[in-house]
């Protein structure tokens, strides 16, 4: 698959986390296109030009004190575009339970070596998106039992 379809968006306000995440992803030898944003709002604007296969959100990008969104709302906004791997304090996991159990989000507790786990999940999500691309086919109206002729004659 082209690198364009393998875009991993890193959303983090912590330059050290961003750099280490990039280093960990390099271990997977994937041909990823990486895009970086400092906030959820900045990422959502950039999605218009660079749609992601998966998003990595570090909780450093969430600052409710500056009038920003909560972690839960920020994650929900990002899942509108792609699956999200979230790295946050362990106690934040419960607030994301619905999104995690729905399969839209993977959660990584922000503890020792969390970026290694996050990079593994990001790589996995990219590979899954490659496998599922083009698999969903919606039936045409006639195959679905509805056609323009039958609708017009009723």
N, C-alpha and C. Protein backbone atom coordinates (compact mmCIF):
# COMPACT_ATOMS: atom_id res chain seq x y z
N UNK A 1 0.84 -1.18 0.00
CA UNK A 1 0.00 0.00 0.00
C UNK A 1 0.88 1.24 0.00
N UNK A 2 0.42 2.28 -0.66
CA UNK A 2 1.17 3.53 -0.71
C UNK A 2 1.29 4.11 0.69
N UNK A 3 2.36 4.87 0.91
CA UNK A 3 2.57 5.50 2.21
C UNK A 3 1.43 6.45 2.55
N UNK A 4 0.79 7.06 1.54
CA UNK A 4 -0.29 8.00 1.78
C UNK A 4 -1.41 7.34 2.58
N UNK A 5 -1.73 6.09 2.30
CA UNK A 5 -2.75 5.38 3.03
C UNK A 5 -2.27 4.86 4.37
N UNK A 6 -1.01 5.04 4.63
CA UNK A 6 -0.43 4.55 5.88
C UNK A 6 -0.03 5.71 6.78
N UNK A 7 -0.82 6.74 6.80
CA UNK A 7 -0.48 7.91 7.60
C UNK A 7 -0.83 7.68 9.07
N UNK A 8 0.17 7.88 9.89
CA UNK A 8 -0.01 7.85 11.34
C UNK A 8 0.10 9.30 11.81
N UNK A 9 -0.95 9.76 12.46
CA UNK A 9 -0.97 11.12 12.97
C UNK A 9 -0.59 11.09 14.44
N UNK A 10 0.46 11.78 14.81
CA UNK A 10 0.91 11.87 16.20
C UNK A 10 0.43 13.21 16.75
N UNK A 11 -0.40 13.13 17.79
CA UNK A 11 -0.94 14.34 18.41
C UNK A 11 -0.38 14.40 19.83
N UNK A 12 0.58 15.29 20.03
CA UNK A 12 1.25 15.40 21.33
C UNK A 12 1.83 16.79 21.47
N UNK A 13 1.73 17.35 22.66
CA UNK A 13 2.34 18.65 22.96
C UNK A 13 3.73 18.47 23.58
N UNK A 14 4.16 17.24 23.74
CA UNK A 14 5.44 16.91 24.36
C UNK A 14 6.41 16.46 23.26
N UNK A 15 7.39 17.30 22.94
CA UNK A 15 8.34 17.00 21.86
C UNK A 15 9.12 15.72 22.13
N UNK A 16 9.44 15.44 23.38
CA UNK A 16 10.18 14.21 23.69
C UNK A 16 9.33 12.97 23.40
N UNK A 17 8.05 13.02 23.72
CA UNK A 17 7.15 11.90 23.43
C UNK A 17 7.02 11.72 21.92
N UNK A 18 6.87 12.81 21.20
CA UNK A 18 6.75 12.74 19.74
C UNK A 18 8.00 12.10 19.14
N UNK A 19 9.17 12.56 19.55
CA UNK A 19 10.42 12.01 19.03
C UNK A 19 10.60 10.54 19.34
N UNK A 20 10.29 10.16 20.55
CA UNK A 20 10.44 8.76 20.95
C UNK A 20 9.41 7.88 20.23
N UNK A 21 8.23 8.38 20.01
CA UNK A 21 7.21 7.63 19.28
C UNK A 21 7.70 7.36 17.85
N UNK A 22 8.28 8.38 17.23
CA UNK A 22 8.83 8.21 15.88
C UNK A 22 9.94 7.17 15.89
N UNK A 23 10.81 7.22 16.89
CA UNK A 23 11.89 6.23 17.00
C UNK A 23 11.35 4.81 17.18
N UNK A 24 10.34 4.66 18.01
CA UNK A 24 9.75 3.33 18.23
C UNK A 24 9.08 2.81 16.95
N UNK A 25 8.42 3.68 16.21
CA UNK A 25 7.78 3.26 14.96
C UNK A 25 8.82 2.81 13.93
N UNK A 26 10.00 3.41 13.96
CA UNK A 26 11.06 3.03 13.03
C UNK A 26 11.47 1.57 13.20
N UNK A 27 11.29 1.04 14.39
CA UNK A 27 11.65 -0.36 14.65
C UNK A 27 10.78 -1.33 13.87
N UNK A 28 9.62 -0.88 13.41
CA UNK A 28 8.71 -1.75 12.67
C UNK A 28 8.97 -1.72 11.16
N UNK A 29 9.90 -0.90 10.74
CA UNK A 29 10.31 -0.81 9.34
C UNK A 29 9.13 -0.60 8.40
N UNK A 30 8.07 -0.02 8.91
CA UNK A 30 6.92 0.28 8.07
C UNK A 30 7.17 1.55 7.27
N UNK A 31 6.62 1.60 6.11
CA UNK A 31 6.73 2.80 5.28
C UNK A 31 5.55 3.71 5.61
N UNK A 32 5.62 4.35 6.76
CA UNK A 32 4.55 5.22 7.21
C UNK A 32 4.79 6.64 6.76
N UNK A 33 3.72 7.33 6.59
CA UNK A 33 3.80 8.78 6.47
C UNK A 33 3.40 9.29 7.85
N UNK A 34 4.24 10.10 8.45
CA UNK A 34 3.95 10.62 9.78
C UNK A 34 3.54 12.08 9.68
N UNK A 35 2.51 12.42 10.40
CA UNK A 35 2.06 13.80 10.51
C UNK A 35 1.98 14.12 12.00
N UNK A 36 2.28 15.36 12.34
CA UNK A 36 2.37 15.74 13.75
C UNK A 36 1.51 16.97 14.02
N UNK A 37 0.83 16.95 15.16
CA UNK A 37 0.06 18.10 15.62
C UNK A 37 0.25 18.24 17.12
N UNK A 38 0.08 19.45 17.61
CA UNK A 38 0.23 19.72 19.05
C UNK A 38 -1.07 19.65 19.81
N UNK A 39 -2.20 19.65 19.09
CA UNK A 39 -3.49 19.64 19.75
C UNK A 39 -4.51 18.90 18.89
N UNK A 40 -5.63 18.57 19.49
CA UNK A 40 -6.71 17.91 18.76
C UNK A 40 -7.24 18.82 17.68
N UNK A 41 -7.43 20.10 17.99
CA UNK A 41 -7.94 21.05 16.99
C UNK A 41 -6.99 21.15 15.79
N UNK A 42 -5.71 21.24 16.06
CA UNK A 42 -4.72 21.32 14.98
C UNK A 42 -4.75 20.05 14.13
N UNK A 43 -4.89 18.92 14.76
CA UNK A 43 -4.94 17.65 14.02
C UNK A 43 -6.19 17.59 13.14
N UNK A 44 -7.32 17.97 13.68
CA UNK A 44 -8.57 17.91 12.90
C UNK A 44 -8.52 18.81 11.67
N UNK A 45 -7.87 19.94 11.78
CA UNK A 45 -7.71 20.81 10.62
C UNK A 45 -6.80 20.14 9.60
N UNK A 46 -5.72 19.54 10.06
CA UNK A 46 -4.76 18.88 9.16
C UNK A 46 -5.35 17.64 8.50
N UNK A 47 -6.34 17.00 9.12
CA UNK A 47 -6.97 15.80 8.54
C UNK A 47 -7.57 16.09 7.17
N UNK A 48 -7.96 17.34 6.94
CA UNK A 48 -8.55 17.70 5.64
C UNK A 48 -7.57 17.45 4.50
N UNK A 49 -6.28 17.62 4.79
CA UNK A 49 -5.25 17.45 3.77
C UNK A 49 -4.52 16.11 3.87
N UNK A 50 -4.51 15.55 5.06
CA UNK A 50 -3.79 14.31 5.30
C UNK A 50 -4.66 13.38 6.14
N UNK A 51 -5.55 12.62 5.51
CA UNK A 51 -6.38 11.71 6.30
C UNK A 51 -5.54 10.58 6.91
N UNK A 52 -5.72 10.32 8.19
CA UNK A 52 -4.91 9.30 8.86
C UNK A 52 -5.50 7.89 8.75
N UNK A 53 -4.62 6.91 8.81
CA UNK A 53 -5.06 5.52 8.97
C UNK A 53 -5.31 5.26 10.45
N UNK A 54 -4.53 5.93 11.29
CA UNK A 54 -4.64 5.80 12.74
C UNK A 54 -4.07 7.06 13.38
N UNK A 55 -4.54 7.36 14.59
CA UNK A 55 -4.08 8.54 15.32
C UNK A 55 -3.49 8.09 16.65
N UNK A 56 -2.34 8.66 17.01
CA UNK A 56 -1.78 8.48 18.35
C UNK A 56 -2.05 9.77 19.10
N UNK A 57 -2.75 9.67 20.21
CA UNK A 57 -3.02 10.85 21.05
C UNK A 57 -2.35 10.68 22.40
N UNK A 58 -1.40 11.55 22.67
CA UNK A 58 -0.78 11.61 23.99
C UNK A 58 -1.54 12.63 24.81
N UNK A 59 -1.80 12.31 26.06
CA UNK A 59 -2.61 13.21 26.88
C UNK A 59 -2.00 14.59 27.05
N UNK A 60 -0.74 14.77 26.73
CA UNK A 60 -0.12 16.10 26.80
C UNK A 60 -0.78 17.09 25.84
N UNK A 61 -1.45 16.58 24.81
CA UNK A 61 -2.12 17.45 23.83
C UNK A 61 -3.46 17.97 24.33
N UNK A 62 -3.90 17.47 25.47
CA UNK A 62 -5.19 17.88 26.04
C UNK A 62 -4.93 18.84 27.19
N UNK A 63 -5.49 20.04 27.08
CA UNK A 63 -5.31 21.03 28.15
C UNK A 63 -6.64 21.73 28.42
N UNK A 64 -7.47 21.12 29.27
CA UNK A 64 -8.77 21.73 29.56
C UNK A 64 -8.63 23.10 30.24
N UNK A 65 -7.48 23.39 30.84
CA UNK A 65 -7.28 24.67 31.53
C UNK A 65 -7.23 25.83 30.53
N UNK A 66 -6.81 25.55 29.29
CA UNK A 66 -6.76 26.59 28.25
C UNK A 66 -8.07 26.67 27.48
N UNK A 67 -9.12 26.11 28.01
CA UNK A 67 -10.40 26.14 27.33
C UNK A 67 -10.53 25.03 26.30
N UNK A 68 -9.62 24.07 26.37
CA UNK A 68 -9.66 22.95 25.44
C UNK A 68 -10.63 21.88 25.90
N UNK A 69 -10.66 20.81 25.15
CA UNK A 69 -11.58 19.72 25.44
C UNK A 69 -11.02 18.79 26.51
N UNK A 70 -11.89 17.96 27.05
CA UNK A 70 -11.45 16.93 27.98
C UNK A 70 -10.82 15.80 27.15
N UNK A 71 -10.14 14.89 27.81
CA UNK A 71 -9.56 13.75 27.11
C UNK A 71 -10.65 12.96 26.40
N UNK A 72 -11.76 12.73 27.08
CA UNK A 72 -12.85 11.94 26.50
C UNK A 72 -13.41 12.59 25.24
N UNK A 73 -13.66 13.90 25.29
CA UNK A 73 -14.22 14.55 24.11
C UNK A 73 -13.20 14.67 22.99
N UNK A 74 -11.94 14.88 23.34
CA UNK A 74 -10.89 14.93 22.32
C UNK A 74 -10.73 13.61 21.60
N UNK A 75 -10.77 12.52 22.35
CA UNK A 75 -10.67 11.19 21.74
C UNK A 75 -11.88 10.94 20.85
N UNK A 76 -13.06 11.28 21.34
CA UNK A 76 -14.28 11.06 20.55
C UNK A 76 -14.22 11.83 19.23
N UNK A 77 -13.73 13.06 19.26
CA UNK A 77 -13.60 13.84 18.03
C UNK A 77 -12.64 13.17 17.03
N UNK A 78 -11.54 12.66 17.55
CA UNK A 78 -10.55 12.03 16.67
C UNK A 78 -11.06 10.72 16.07
N UNK A 79 -11.88 9.98 16.83
CA UNK A 79 -12.38 8.70 16.30
C UNK A 79 -13.34 8.89 15.14
N UNK A 80 -13.81 10.11 14.93
CA UNK A 80 -14.66 10.37 13.76
C UNK A 80 -13.88 10.16 12.47
N UNK A 81 -12.55 10.23 12.54
CA UNK A 81 -11.72 10.13 11.35
C UNK A 81 -10.96 8.81 11.24
N UNK A 82 -10.55 8.26 12.37
CA UNK A 82 -9.71 7.04 12.34
C UNK A 82 -9.66 6.43 13.73
N UNK A 83 -9.20 5.18 13.82
CA UNK A 83 -8.98 4.60 15.14
C UNK A 83 -7.92 5.41 15.89
N UNK A 84 -7.99 5.38 17.21
CA UNK A 84 -7.08 6.19 18.03
C UNK A 84 -6.40 5.30 19.06
N UNK A 85 -5.09 5.49 19.20
CA UNK A 85 -4.32 4.88 20.28
C UNK A 85 -4.02 6.01 21.26
N UNK A 86 -4.52 5.87 22.48
CA UNK A 86 -4.40 6.92 23.50
C UNK A 86 -3.37 6.51 24.54
N UNK A 87 -2.47 7.44 24.86
CA UNK A 87 -1.54 7.23 25.97
C UNK A 87 -1.90 8.26 27.03
N UNK A 88 -2.30 7.77 28.19
CA UNK A 88 -2.72 8.67 29.27
C UNK A 88 -2.46 7.99 30.61
N UNK A 89 -2.63 8.76 31.67
CA UNK A 89 -2.48 8.22 33.01
C UNK A 89 -3.46 7.05 33.19
N UNK A 90 -3.04 6.02 33.89
CA UNK A 90 -3.88 4.82 34.05
C UNK A 90 -5.30 5.12 34.54
N UNK A 91 -5.46 6.11 35.39
CA UNK A 91 -6.79 6.40 35.93
C UNK A 91 -7.74 7.01 34.90
N UNK A 92 -7.23 7.39 33.74
CA UNK A 92 -8.07 7.96 32.67
C UNK A 92 -8.76 6.87 31.83
N UNK A 93 -8.34 5.64 31.98
CA UNK A 93 -8.88 4.55 31.16
C UNK A 93 -10.39 4.36 31.36
N UNK A 94 -10.85 4.46 32.57
CA UNK A 94 -12.27 4.24 32.86
C UNK A 94 -13.16 5.22 32.08
N UNK A 95 -12.72 6.45 31.93
CA UNK A 95 -13.50 7.44 31.21
C UNK A 95 -13.62 7.17 29.72
N UNK A 96 -12.76 6.30 29.22
CA UNK A 96 -12.75 5.95 27.79
C UNK A 96 -13.30 4.55 27.55
N UNK A 97 -13.89 3.94 28.58
CA UNK A 97 -14.31 2.54 28.49
C UNK A 97 -15.21 2.26 27.30
N UNK A 98 -16.18 3.12 27.04
CA UNK A 98 -17.10 2.88 25.93
C UNK A 98 -16.35 2.83 24.60
N UNK A 99 -15.47 3.81 24.36
CA UNK A 99 -14.72 3.85 23.10
C UNK A 99 -13.74 2.69 22.99
N UNK A 100 -13.19 2.26 24.11
CA UNK A 100 -12.26 1.13 24.09
C UNK A 100 -13.01 -0.15 23.76
N UNK A 101 -14.12 -0.39 24.44
CA UNK A 101 -14.86 -1.63 24.19
C UNK A 101 -15.52 -1.65 22.82
N UNK A 102 -15.76 -0.47 22.23
CA UNK A 102 -16.33 -0.42 20.88
C UNK A 102 -15.30 -0.79 19.82
N UNK A 103 -14.02 -0.78 20.20
CA UNK A 103 -12.96 -1.10 19.24
C UNK A 103 -12.40 0.11 18.53
N UNK A 104 -12.92 1.29 18.83
CA UNK A 104 -12.45 2.51 18.17
C UNK A 104 -11.15 3.03 18.77
N UNK A 105 -10.85 2.60 20.00
CA UNK A 105 -9.71 3.15 20.75
C UNK A 105 -8.93 2.02 21.41
N UNK A 106 -7.61 2.17 21.38
CA UNK A 106 -6.72 1.34 22.19
C UNK A 106 -6.14 2.26 23.26
N UNK A 107 -6.02 1.77 24.47
CA UNK A 107 -5.51 2.58 25.57
C UNK A 107 -4.18 2.02 26.05
N UNK A 108 -3.20 2.93 26.23
CA UNK A 108 -1.89 2.55 26.75
C UNK A 108 -1.63 3.40 27.99
N UNK A 109 -1.50 2.76 29.15
CA UNK A 109 -1.19 3.54 30.36
C UNK A 109 0.16 4.24 30.20
N UNK A 110 0.21 5.51 30.54
CA UNK A 110 1.44 6.29 30.39
C UNK A 110 2.36 5.98 31.56
N UNK A 111 3.03 4.83 31.44
CA UNK A 111 3.99 4.39 32.45
C UNK A 111 5.30 4.05 31.73
N UNK A 112 6.19 3.37 32.38
CA UNK A 112 7.48 3.02 31.77
C UNK A 112 7.31 2.34 30.42
N UNK A 113 8.07 2.77 29.45
CA UNK A 113 8.14 2.17 28.11
C UNK A 113 6.78 2.11 27.41
N UNK A 114 5.91 3.04 27.70
CA UNK A 114 4.58 3.03 27.08
C UNK A 114 4.63 3.26 25.58
N UNK A 115 5.66 3.97 25.11
CA UNK A 115 5.72 4.26 23.67
C UNK A 115 6.04 3.03 22.84
N UNK A 116 6.72 2.06 23.41
CA UNK A 116 6.96 0.81 22.70
C UNK A 116 5.64 0.09 22.45
N UNK A 117 4.79 0.06 23.47
CA UNK A 117 3.48 -0.57 23.33
C UNK A 117 2.61 0.23 22.36
N UNK A 118 2.65 1.55 22.48
CA UNK A 118 1.86 2.40 21.58
C UNK A 118 2.27 2.20 20.12
N UNK A 119 3.57 2.14 19.86
CA UNK A 119 4.05 1.94 18.49
C UNK A 119 3.59 0.60 17.94
N UNK A 120 3.59 -0.42 18.77
CA UNK A 120 3.11 -1.73 18.36
C UNK A 120 1.64 -1.67 17.96
N UNK A 121 0.83 -0.99 18.77
CA UNK A 121 -0.59 -0.86 18.47
C UNK A 121 -0.84 -0.01 17.22
N UNK A 122 -0.04 1.03 17.03
CA UNK A 122 -0.17 1.86 15.84
C UNK A 122 0.14 1.04 14.58
N UNK A 123 1.22 0.29 14.63
CA UNK A 123 1.58 -0.56 13.50
C UNK A 123 0.47 -1.57 13.21
N UNK A 124 -0.07 -2.17 14.25
CA UNK A 124 -1.15 -3.15 14.10
C UNK A 124 -2.38 -2.50 13.45
N UNK A 125 -2.74 -1.31 13.91
CA UNK A 125 -3.91 -0.62 13.35
C UNK A 125 -3.70 -0.28 11.87
N UNK A 126 -2.49 0.11 11.50
CA UNK A 126 -2.22 0.41 10.09
C UNK A 126 -2.37 -0.86 9.26
N UNK A 127 -1.82 -1.96 9.74
CA UNK A 127 -1.94 -3.23 9.00
C UNK A 127 -3.39 -3.67 8.89
N UNK A 128 -4.17 -3.49 9.95
CA UNK A 128 -5.59 -3.83 9.89
C UNK A 128 -6.33 -2.96 8.88
N UNK A 129 -5.99 -1.69 8.82
CA UNK A 129 -6.67 -0.81 7.86
C UNK A 129 -6.34 -1.23 6.42
N UNK A 130 -5.14 -1.73 6.20
CA UNK A 130 -4.76 -2.22 4.87
C UNK A 130 -5.58 -3.45 4.50
N UNK A 131 -5.80 -4.33 5.46
CA UNK A 131 -6.55 -5.56 5.20
C UNK A 131 -8.02 -5.30 4.96
N UNK A 132 -8.57 -4.28 5.60
CA UNK A 132 -10.00 -4.04 5.48
C UNK A 132 -10.37 -3.05 4.38
N UNK A 133 -9.38 -2.35 3.83
CA UNK A 133 -9.68 -1.38 2.77
C UNK A 133 -10.33 -2.09 1.60
N UNK A 134 -11.47 -1.61 1.22
CA UNK A 134 -12.18 -2.17 0.07
C UNK A 134 -12.97 -3.42 0.36
N UNK A 135 -13.01 -3.87 1.61
CA UNK A 135 -13.73 -5.10 1.94
C UNK A 135 -15.23 -4.87 2.09
N UNK A 136 -15.63 -3.69 2.46
CA UNK A 136 -17.04 -3.42 2.66
C UNK A 136 -17.64 -2.96 1.34
N UNK A 137 -18.60 -3.71 0.85
CA UNK A 137 -19.27 -3.37 -0.39
C UNK A 137 -20.76 -3.26 -0.11
N UNK A 138 -21.32 -2.12 -0.40
CA UNK A 138 -22.74 -1.92 -0.21
C UNK A 138 -23.46 -2.38 -1.48
N UNK A 139 -24.58 -3.06 -1.32
CA UNK A 139 -25.30 -3.54 -2.51
C UNK A 139 -25.90 -2.37 -3.28
N UNK A 140 -26.01 -2.58 -4.58
CA UNK A 140 -26.68 -1.56 -5.38
C UNK A 140 -28.15 -1.56 -4.98
N UNK A 141 -28.88 -0.55 -5.37
CA UNK A 141 -30.30 -0.46 -5.01
C UNK A 141 -31.07 -1.70 -5.46
N UNK A 142 -30.77 -2.21 -6.66
CA UNK A 142 -31.51 -3.37 -7.16
C UNK A 142 -31.19 -4.62 -6.36
N UNK A 143 -29.93 -4.78 -5.96
CA UNK A 143 -29.59 -5.94 -5.14
C UNK A 143 -30.18 -5.83 -3.75
N UNK A 144 -30.38 -4.63 -3.30
CA UNK A 144 -30.95 -4.41 -1.98
C UNK A 144 -32.46 -4.52 -1.97
N UNK A 145 -33.06 -4.83 -3.13
CA UNK A 145 -34.50 -5.01 -3.18
C UNK A 145 -35.27 -3.75 -3.52
N UNK A 146 -34.56 -2.66 -3.71
CA UNK A 146 -35.22 -1.41 -4.05
C UNK A 146 -34.66 -0.93 -5.38
N UNK A 147 -35.50 -0.66 -6.30
CA UNK A 147 -35.03 -0.10 -7.57
C UNK A 147 -35.87 1.13 -7.87
N UNK A 148 -35.37 1.92 -8.77
CA UNK A 148 -36.09 3.14 -9.14
C UNK A 148 -37.45 2.78 -9.74
N UNK A 149 -37.52 1.68 -10.51
CA UNK A 149 -38.77 1.28 -11.14
C UNK A 149 -39.79 0.85 -10.09
N UNK A 150 -39.36 -0.01 -9.15
CA UNK A 150 -40.32 -0.52 -8.17
C UNK A 150 -40.79 0.59 -7.24
N UNK A 151 -39.93 1.55 -6.95
CA UNK A 151 -40.32 2.67 -6.08
C UNK A 151 -41.33 3.57 -6.79
N UNK A 152 -41.13 3.75 -8.09
CA UNK A 152 -42.00 4.64 -8.84
C UNK A 152 -43.37 4.02 -9.10
N UNK A 153 -43.43 2.69 -9.17
CA UNK A 153 -44.70 2.02 -9.48
C UNK A 153 -45.55 1.79 -8.26
N UNK A 154 -45.03 1.99 -7.09
CA UNK A 154 -45.79 1.72 -5.85
C UNK A 154 -46.64 2.88 -5.47
